PDB file of all heavy atoms in Angstrom:
ATOM      1  N   PRO A   1    -178.934 237.712 150.227  1.00  0.00           N
ATOM      2  CA  PRO A   1    -178.516 238.980 150.846  1.00  0.00           C
ATOM      3  C   PRO A   1    -179.616 239.729 151.593  1.00  0.00           C
ATOM      4  O   PRO A   1    -180.693 239.995 151.061  1.00  0.00           O
ATOM      5  CB  PRO A   1    -178.018 239.794 149.649  1.00  0.00           C
ATOM      6  CG  PRO A   1    -177.487 238.770 148.707  1.00  0.00           C
ATOM      7  CD  PRO A   1    -178.438 237.604 148.839  1.00  0.00           C
ATOM      8  N   SER A   2    -179.326 240.052 152.851  1.00  0.00           N
ATOM      9  CA  SER A   2    -180.214 240.783 153.758  1.00  0.00           C
ATOM     10  C   SER A   2    -181.549 240.070 153.990  1.00  0.00           C
ATOM     11  O   SER A   2    -182.496 240.664 154.498  1.00  0.00           O
ATOM     12  CB  SER A   2    -180.473 242.211 153.238  1.00  0.00           C
ATOM     13  OG  SER A   2    -180.827 243.065 154.311  1.00  0.00           O
ATOM     14  N   ASN A   3    -181.592 238.794 153.668  1.00  0.00           N
ATOM     15  CA  ASN A   3    -182.786 237.957 153.834  1.00  0.00           C
ATOM     16  C   ASN A   3    -182.439 236.932 154.911  1.00  0.00           C
ATOM     17  O   ASN A   3    -182.116 235.790 154.627  1.00  0.00           O
ATOM     18  CB  ASN A   3    -183.125 237.304 152.495  1.00  0.00           C
ATOM     19  CG  ASN A   3    -184.387 236.468 152.533  1.00  0.00           C
ATOM     20  OD1 ASN A   3    -185.154 236.500 153.497  1.00  0.00           O
ATOM     21  ND2 ASN A   3    -184.607 235.705 151.478  1.00  0.00           N
ATOM     22  N   PHE A   4    -182.527 237.379 156.168  1.00  0.00           N
ATOM     23  CA  PHE A   4    -181.949 236.636 157.279  1.00  0.00           C
ATOM     24  C   PHE A   4    -182.885 235.548 157.808  1.00  0.00           C
ATOM     25  O   PHE A   4    -184.111 235.735 157.845  1.00  0.00           O
ATOM     26  CB  PHE A   4    -181.589 237.594 158.417  1.00  0.00           C
ATOM     27  CG  PHE A   4    -180.609 238.660 158.019  1.00  0.00           C
ATOM     28  CD1 PHE A   4    -181.006 239.976 157.863  1.00  0.00           C
ATOM     29  CD2 PHE A   4    -179.281 238.341 157.771  1.00  0.00           C
ATOM     30  CE1 PHE A   4    -180.106 240.958 157.487  1.00  0.00           C
ATOM     31  CE2 PHE A   4    -178.371 239.307 157.395  1.00  0.00           C
ATOM     32  CZ  PHE A   4    -178.785 240.625 157.241  1.00  0.00           C
ATOM     33  N   HIS A   5    -182.305 234.452 158.212  1.00  0.00           N
ATOM     34  CA  HIS A   5    -183.071 233.398 158.875  1.00  0.00           C
ATOM     35  C   HIS A   5    -183.712 233.960 160.145  1.00  0.00           C
ATOM     36  O   HIS A   5    -183.109 234.753 160.868  1.00  0.00           O
ATOM     37  CB  HIS A   5    -182.162 232.221 159.219  1.00  0.00           C
ATOM     38  CG  HIS A   5    -181.719 231.449 158.022  1.00  0.00           C
ATOM     39  ND1 HIS A   5    -182.467 230.445 157.475  1.00  0.00           N
ATOM     40  CD2 HIS A   5    -180.610 231.574 157.246  1.00  0.00           C
ATOM     41  CE1 HIS A   5    -181.830 229.959 156.423  1.00  0.00           C
ATOM     42  NE2 HIS A   5    -180.709 230.627 156.257  1.00  0.00           N
ATOM     43  N   GLY A   6    -184.945 233.545 160.388  1.00  0.00           N
ATOM     44  CA  GLY A   6    -185.690 234.034 161.542  1.00  0.00           C
ATOM     45  C   GLY A   6    -186.445 235.322 161.278  1.00  0.00           C
ATOM     46  O   GLY A   6    -187.297 235.712 162.077  1.00  0.00           O
ATOM     47  N   LYS A   7    -186.145 235.977 160.152  1.00  0.00           N
ATOM     48  CA  LYS A   7    -186.819 237.227 159.786  1.00  0.00           C
ATOM     49  C   LYS A   7    -187.752 237.049 158.589  1.00  0.00           C
ATOM     50  O   LYS A   7    -188.303 238.021 158.074  1.00  0.00           O
ATOM     51  CB  LYS A   7    -185.779 238.305 159.447  1.00  0.00           C
ATOM     52  CG  LYS A   7    -184.767 238.591 160.553  1.00  0.00           C
ATOM     53  CD  LYS A   7    -185.425 239.220 161.758  1.00  0.00           C
ATOM     54  CE  LYS A   7    -184.386 239.607 162.807  1.00  0.00           C
ATOM     55  NZ  LYS A   7    -185.024 240.177 164.027  1.00  0.00           N
ATOM     56  N   GLN A   8    -187.939 235.791 158.157  1.00  0.00           N
ATOM     57  CA  GLN A   8    -188.677 235.572 156.918  1.00  0.00           C
ATOM     58  C   GLN A   8    -190.187 235.759 157.046  1.00  0.00           C
ATOM     59  O   GLN A   8    -190.919 235.674 156.058  1.00  0.00           O
ATOM     60  CB  GLN A   8    -188.364 234.199 156.323  1.00  0.00           C
ATOM     61  CG  GLN A   8    -188.765 232.993 157.164  1.00  0.00           C
ATOM     62  CD  GLN A   8    -187.615 232.435 157.949  1.00  0.00           C
ATOM     63  OE1 GLN A   8    -187.010 233.123 158.745  1.00  0.00           O
ATOM     64  NE2 GLN A   8    -187.308 231.154 157.752  1.00  0.00           N
ATOM     65  N   GLY A   9    -190.666 236.062 158.258  1.00  0.00           N
ATOM     66  CA  GLY A   9    -192.087 236.384 158.409  1.00  0.00           C
ATOM     67  C   GLY A   9    -192.504 237.613 157.610  1.00  0.00           C
ATOM     68  O   GLY A   9    -193.685 237.823 157.348  1.00  0.00           O
ATOM     69  N   TYR A  10    -191.531 238.411 157.205  1.00  0.00           N
ATOM     70  CA  TYR A  10    -191.806 239.584 156.360  1.00  0.00           C
ATOM     71  C   TYR A  10    -192.425 239.179 155.021  1.00  0.00           C
ATOM     72  O   TYR A  10    -193.151 239.955 154.392  1.00  0.00           O
ATOM     73  CB  TYR A  10    -190.502 240.350 156.149  1.00  0.00           C
ATOM     74  CG  TYR A  10    -190.588 241.574 155.268  1.00  0.00           C
ATOM     75  CD1 TYR A  10    -191.601 242.520 155.422  1.00  0.00           C
ATOM     76  CD2 TYR A  10    -189.629 241.798 154.286  1.00  0.00           C
ATOM     77  CE1 TYR A  10    -191.654 243.649 154.612  1.00  0.00           C
ATOM     78  CE2 TYR A  10    -189.671 242.920 153.482  1.00  0.00           C
ATOM     79  CZ  TYR A  10    -190.692 243.845 153.641  1.00  0.00           C
ATOM     80  OH  TYR A  10    -190.735 244.953 152.838  1.00  0.00           O
ATOM     81  N   GLU A  11    -192.160 237.948 154.573  1.00  0.00           N
ATOM     82  CA  GLU A  11    -192.738 237.476 153.309  1.00  0.00           C
ATOM     83  C   GLU A  11    -194.269 237.474 153.348  1.00  0.00           C
ATOM     84  O   GLU A  11    -194.917 237.728 152.322  1.00  0.00           O
ATOM     85  CB  GLU A  11    -192.219 236.069 152.994  1.00  0.00           C
ATOM     86  CG  GLU A  11    -192.818 235.425 151.746  1.00  0.00           C
ATOM     87  CD  GLU A  11    -192.280 235.986 150.434  1.00  0.00           C
ATOM     88  OE1 GLU A  11    -191.398 236.882 150.470  1.00  0.00           O
ATOM     89  OE2 GLU A  11    -192.756 235.536 149.380  1.00  0.00           O
ATOM     90  N   PHE A  12    -194.855 237.211 154.510  1.00  0.00           N
ATOM     91  CA  PHE A  12    -196.321 237.256 154.608  1.00  0.00           C
ATOM     92  C   PHE A  12    -196.837 238.634 154.212  1.00  0.00           C
ATOM     93  O   PHE A  12    -197.827 238.764 153.477  1.00  0.00           O
ATOM     94  CB  PHE A  12    -196.771 236.922 156.036  1.00  0.00           C
ATOM     95  CG  PHE A  12    -196.580 235.495 156.427  1.00  0.00           C
ATOM     96  CD1 PHE A  12    -195.509 235.097 157.219  1.00  0.00           C
ATOM     97  CD2 PHE A  12    -197.489 234.525 156.028  1.00  0.00           C
ATOM     98  CE1 PHE A  12    -195.336 233.771 157.588  1.00  0.00           C
ATOM     99  CE2 PHE A  12    -197.333 233.195 156.379  1.00  0.00           C
ATOM    100  CZ  PHE A  12    -196.246 232.814 157.162  1.00  0.00           C
ATOM    101  N   GLU A  13    -196.191 239.664 154.700  1.00  0.00           N
ATOM    102  CA  GLU A  13    -196.590 241.037 154.386  1.00  0.00           C
ATOM    103  C   GLU A  13    -196.433 241.330 152.894  1.00  0.00           C
ATOM    104  O   GLU A  13    -197.324 241.923 152.261  1.00  0.00           O
ATOM    105  CB  GLU A  13    -195.737 242.004 155.212  1.00  0.00           C
ATOM    106  CG  GLU A  13    -196.095 243.458 155.045  1.00  0.00           C
ATOM    107  CD  GLU A  13    -195.239 244.364 155.926  1.00  0.00           C
ATOM    108  OE1 GLU A  13    -194.578 243.853 156.858  1.00  0.00           O
ATOM    109  OE2 GLU A  13    -195.226 245.586 155.672  1.00  0.00           O
ATOM    110  N   LEU A  14    -195.313 240.904 152.318  1.00  0.00           N
ATOM    111  CA  LEU A  14    -195.095 241.131 150.891  1.00  0.00           C
ATOM    112  C   LEU A  14    -196.119 240.380 150.045  1.00  0.00           C
ATOM    113  O   LEU A  14    -196.580 240.896 149.015  1.00  0.00           O
ATOM    114  CB  LEU A  14    -193.677 240.700 150.507  1.00  0.00           C
ATOM    115  CG  LEU A  14    -192.534 241.546 151.070  1.00  0.00           C
ATOM    116  CD1 LEU A  14    -191.191 240.903 150.743  1.00  0.00           C
ATOM    117  CD2 LEU A  14    -192.594 242.968 150.521  1.00  0.00           C
ATOM    118  N   MET A  15    -196.471 239.185 150.447  1.00  0.00           N
ATOM    119  CA  MET A  15    -197.466 238.417 149.699  1.00  0.00           C
ATOM    120  C   MET A  15    -198.808 239.146 149.654  1.00  0.00           C
ATOM    121  O   MET A  15    -199.478 239.166 148.618  1.00  0.00           O
ATOM    122  CB  MET A  15    -197.622 237.022 150.301  1.00  0.00           C
ATOM    123  CG  MET A  15    -196.417 236.115 150.065  1.00  0.00           C
ATOM    124  SD  MET A  15    -196.502 234.530 150.952  1.00  0.00           S
ATOM    125  CE  MET A  15    -197.647 233.621 149.891  1.00  0.00           C
ATOM    126  N   THR A  16    -199.201 239.753 150.776  1.00  0.00           N
ATOM    127  CA  THR A  16    -200.476 240.491 150.757  1.00  0.00           C
ATOM    128  C   THR A  16    -200.386 241.719 149.857  1.00  0.00           C
ATOM    129  O   THR A  16    -201.375 242.096 149.219  1.00  0.00           O
ATOM    130  CB  THR A  16    -200.899 240.911 152.176  1.00  0.00           C
ATOM    131  OG1 THR A  16    -199.918 241.789 152.746  1.00  0.00           O
ATOM    132  CG2 THR A  16    -201.088 239.703 153.074  1.00  0.00           C
ATOM    133  N   LYS A  17    -199.228 242.324 149.752  1.00  0.00           N
ATOM    134  CA  LYS A  17    -199.051 243.467 148.856  1.00  0.00           C
ATOM    135  C   LYS A  17    -199.142 243.044 147.392  1.00  0.00           C
ATOM    136  O   LYS A  17    -199.454 243.862 146.519  1.00  0.00           O
ATOM    137  CB  LYS A  17    -197.713 244.153 149.120  1.00  0.00           C
ATOM    138  CG  LYS A  17    -197.646 244.885 150.454  1.00  0.00           C
ATOM    139  CD  LYS A  17    -196.297 245.546 150.668  1.00  0.00           C
ATOM    140  CE  LYS A  17    -196.246 246.294 152.003  1.00  0.00           C
ATOM    141  NZ  LYS A  17    -194.913 246.916 152.248  1.00  0.00           N
ATOM    142  N   PHE A  18    -198.863 241.759 147.122  1.00  0.00           N
ATOM    143  CA  PHE A  18    -198.896 241.252 145.757  1.00  0.00           C
ATOM    144  C   PHE A  18    -200.195 240.519 145.436  1.00  0.00           C
ATOM    145  O   PHE A  18    -200.281 239.845 144.416  1.00  0.00           O
ATOM    146  CB  PHE A  18    -197.699 240.323 145.532  1.00  0.00           C
ATOM    147  CG  PHE A  18    -196.436 241.039 145.130  1.00  0.00           C
ATOM    148  CD1 PHE A  18    -196.037 242.199 145.754  1.00  0.00           C
ATOM    149  CD2 PHE A  18    -195.635 240.543 144.115  1.00  0.00           C
ATOM    150  CE1 PHE A  18    -194.867 242.866 145.392  1.00  0.00           C
ATOM    151  CE2 PHE A  18    -194.464 241.193 143.738  1.00  0.00           C
ATOM    152  CZ  PHE A  18    -194.089 242.352 144.375  1.00  0.00           C
ATOM    153  N   GLY A  19    -201.200 240.640 146.309  1.00  0.00           N
ATOM    154  CA  GLY A  19    -202.520 240.130 145.957  1.00  0.00           C
ATOM    155  C   GLY A  19    -203.088 239.017 146.797  1.00  0.00           C
ATOM    156  O   GLY A  19    -204.267 238.687 146.680  1.00  0.00           O
ATOM    157  N   PHE A  20    -202.274 238.390 147.658  1.00  0.00           N
ATOM    158  CA  PHE A  20    -202.799 237.333 148.522  1.00  0.00           C
ATOM    159  C   PHE A  20    -203.648 237.943 149.637  1.00  0.00           C
ATOM    160  O   PHE A  20    -203.339 239.030 150.137  1.00  0.00           O
ATOM    161  CB  PHE A  20    -201.653 236.561 149.178  1.00  0.00           C
ATOM    162  CG  PHE A  20    -200.841 235.699 148.252  1.00  0.00           C
ATOM    163  CD1 PHE A  20    -199.797 236.239 147.509  1.00  0.00           C
ATOM    164  CD2 PHE A  20    -201.095 234.344 148.139  1.00  0.00           C
ATOM    165  CE1 PHE A  20    -199.028 235.454 146.671  1.00  0.00           C
ATOM    166  CE2 PHE A  20    -200.338 233.539 147.302  1.00  0.00           C
ATOM    167  CZ  PHE A  20    -199.306 234.097 146.565  1.00  0.00           C
ATOM    168  N   THR A  21    -204.686 237.237 150.054  1.00  0.00           N
ATOM    169  CA  THR A  21    -205.363 237.597 151.297  1.00  0.00           C
ATOM    170  C   THR A  21    -204.527 237.056 152.457  1.00  0.00           C
ATOM    171  O   THR A  21    -203.738 236.111 152.279  1.00  0.00           O
ATOM    172  CB  THR A  21    -206.764 236.986 151.377  1.00  0.00           C
ATOM    173  OG1 THR A  21    -206.652 235.550 151.455  1.00  0.00           O
ATOM    174  CG2 THR A  21    -207.601 237.370 150.154  1.00  0.00           C
ATOM    175  N   PRO A  22    -204.646 237.627 153.655  1.00  0.00           N
ATOM    176  CA  PRO A  22    -203.929 237.048 154.796  1.00  0.00           C
ATOM    177  C   PRO A  22    -204.206 235.558 154.984  1.00  0.00           C
ATOM    178  O   PRO A  22    -203.286 234.784 155.275  1.00  0.00           O
ATOM    179  CB  PRO A  22    -204.437 237.880 155.977  1.00  0.00           C
ATOM    180  CG  PRO A  22    -204.755 239.212 155.379  1.00  0.00           C
ATOM    181  CD  PRO A  22    -205.338 238.878 154.027  1.00  0.00           C
ATOM    182  N   THR A  23    -205.442 235.146 154.792  1.00  0.00           N
ATOM    183  CA  THR A  23    -205.783 233.728 154.933  1.00  0.00           C
ATOM    184  C   THR A  23    -205.024 232.887 153.921  1.00  0.00           C
ATOM    185  O   THR A  23    -204.498 231.811 154.258  1.00  0.00           O
ATOM    186  CB  THR A  23    -207.294 233.523 154.755  1.00  0.00           C
ATOM    187  OG1 THR A  23    -207.990 234.233 155.780  1.00  0.00           O
ATOM    188  CG2 THR A  23    -207.664 232.052 154.839  1.00  0.00           C
ATOM    189  N   GLN A  24    -204.932 233.352 152.687  1.00  0.00           N
ATOM    190  CA  GLN A  24    -204.208 232.595 151.662  1.00  0.00           C
ATOM    191  C   GLN A  24    -202.739 232.421 152.012  1.00  0.00           C
ATOM    192  O   GLN A  24    -202.151 231.380 151.741  1.00  0.00           O
ATOM    193  CB  GLN A  24    -204.346 233.287 150.304  1.00  0.00           C
ATOM    194  CG  GLN A  24    -205.710 233.122 149.669  1.00  0.00           C
ATOM    195  CD  GLN A  24    -205.861 233.942 148.394  1.00  0.00           C
ATOM    196  OE1 GLN A  24    -205.385 235.077 148.293  1.00  0.00           O
ATOM    197  NE2 GLN A  24    -206.531 233.371 147.398  1.00  0.00           N
ATOM    198  N   THR A  25    -202.136 233.432 152.636  1.00  0.00           N
ATOM    199  CA  THR A  25    -200.726 233.299 153.010  1.00  0.00           C
ATOM    200  C   THR A  25    -200.540 232.241 154.094  1.00  0.00           C
ATOM    201  O   THR A  25    -199.580 231.461 154.052  1.00  0.00           O
ATOM    202  CB  THR A  25    -200.136 234.638 153.493  1.00  0.00           C
ATOM    203  OG1 THR A  25    -200.697 235.021 154.749  1.00  0.00           O
ATOM    204  CG2 THR A  25    -200.351 235.749 152.474  1.00  0.00           C
ATOM    205  N   LEU A  26    -201.455 232.209 155.072  1.00  0.00           N
ATOM    206  CA  LEU A  26    -201.338 231.230 156.154  1.00  0.00           C
ATOM    207  C   LEU A  26    -201.574 229.813 155.645  1.00  0.00           C
ATOM    208  O   LEU A  26    -200.894 228.865 156.075  1.00  0.00           O
ATOM    209  CB  LEU A  26    -202.327 231.554 157.277  1.00  0.00           C
ATOM    210  CG  LEU A  26    -202.197 232.923 157.954  1.00  0.00           C
ATOM    211  CD1 LEU A  26    -203.081 232.979 159.204  1.00  0.00           C
ATOM    212  CD2 LEU A  26    -200.762 233.255 158.311  1.00  0.00           C
ATOM    213  N   VAL A  27    -202.522 229.650 154.741  1.00  0.00           N
ATOM    214  CA  VAL A  27    -202.766 228.329 154.149  1.00  0.00           C
ATOM    215  C   VAL A  27    -201.552 227.881 153.345  1.00  0.00           C
ATOM    216  O   VAL A  27    -201.138 226.718 153.396  1.00  0.00           O
ATOM    217  CB  VAL A  27    -204.035 228.355 153.274  1.00  0.00           C
ATOM    218  CG1 VAL A  27    -204.183 227.048 152.494  1.00  0.00           C
ATOM    219  CG2 VAL A  27    -205.279 228.575 154.133  1.00  0.00           C
ATOM    220  N   ALA A  28    -200.936 228.813 152.602  1.00  0.00           N
ATOM    221  CA  ALA A  28    -199.751 228.476 151.811  1.00  0.00           C
ATOM    222  C   ALA A  28    -198.624 227.966 152.696  1.00  0.00           C
ATOM    223  O   ALA A  28    -197.912 227.016 152.330  1.00  0.00           O
ATOM    224  CB  ALA A  28    -199.292 229.694 151.014  1.00  0.00           C
TER     225      ALA A  28
END
């Protein structure tokens, strides 16, 4: 729900809020 295809780039932002560095998100 409300998690639309093509919009999932928002997960990168949420990951950084939960402790990932930007680099770690891109490597993941």
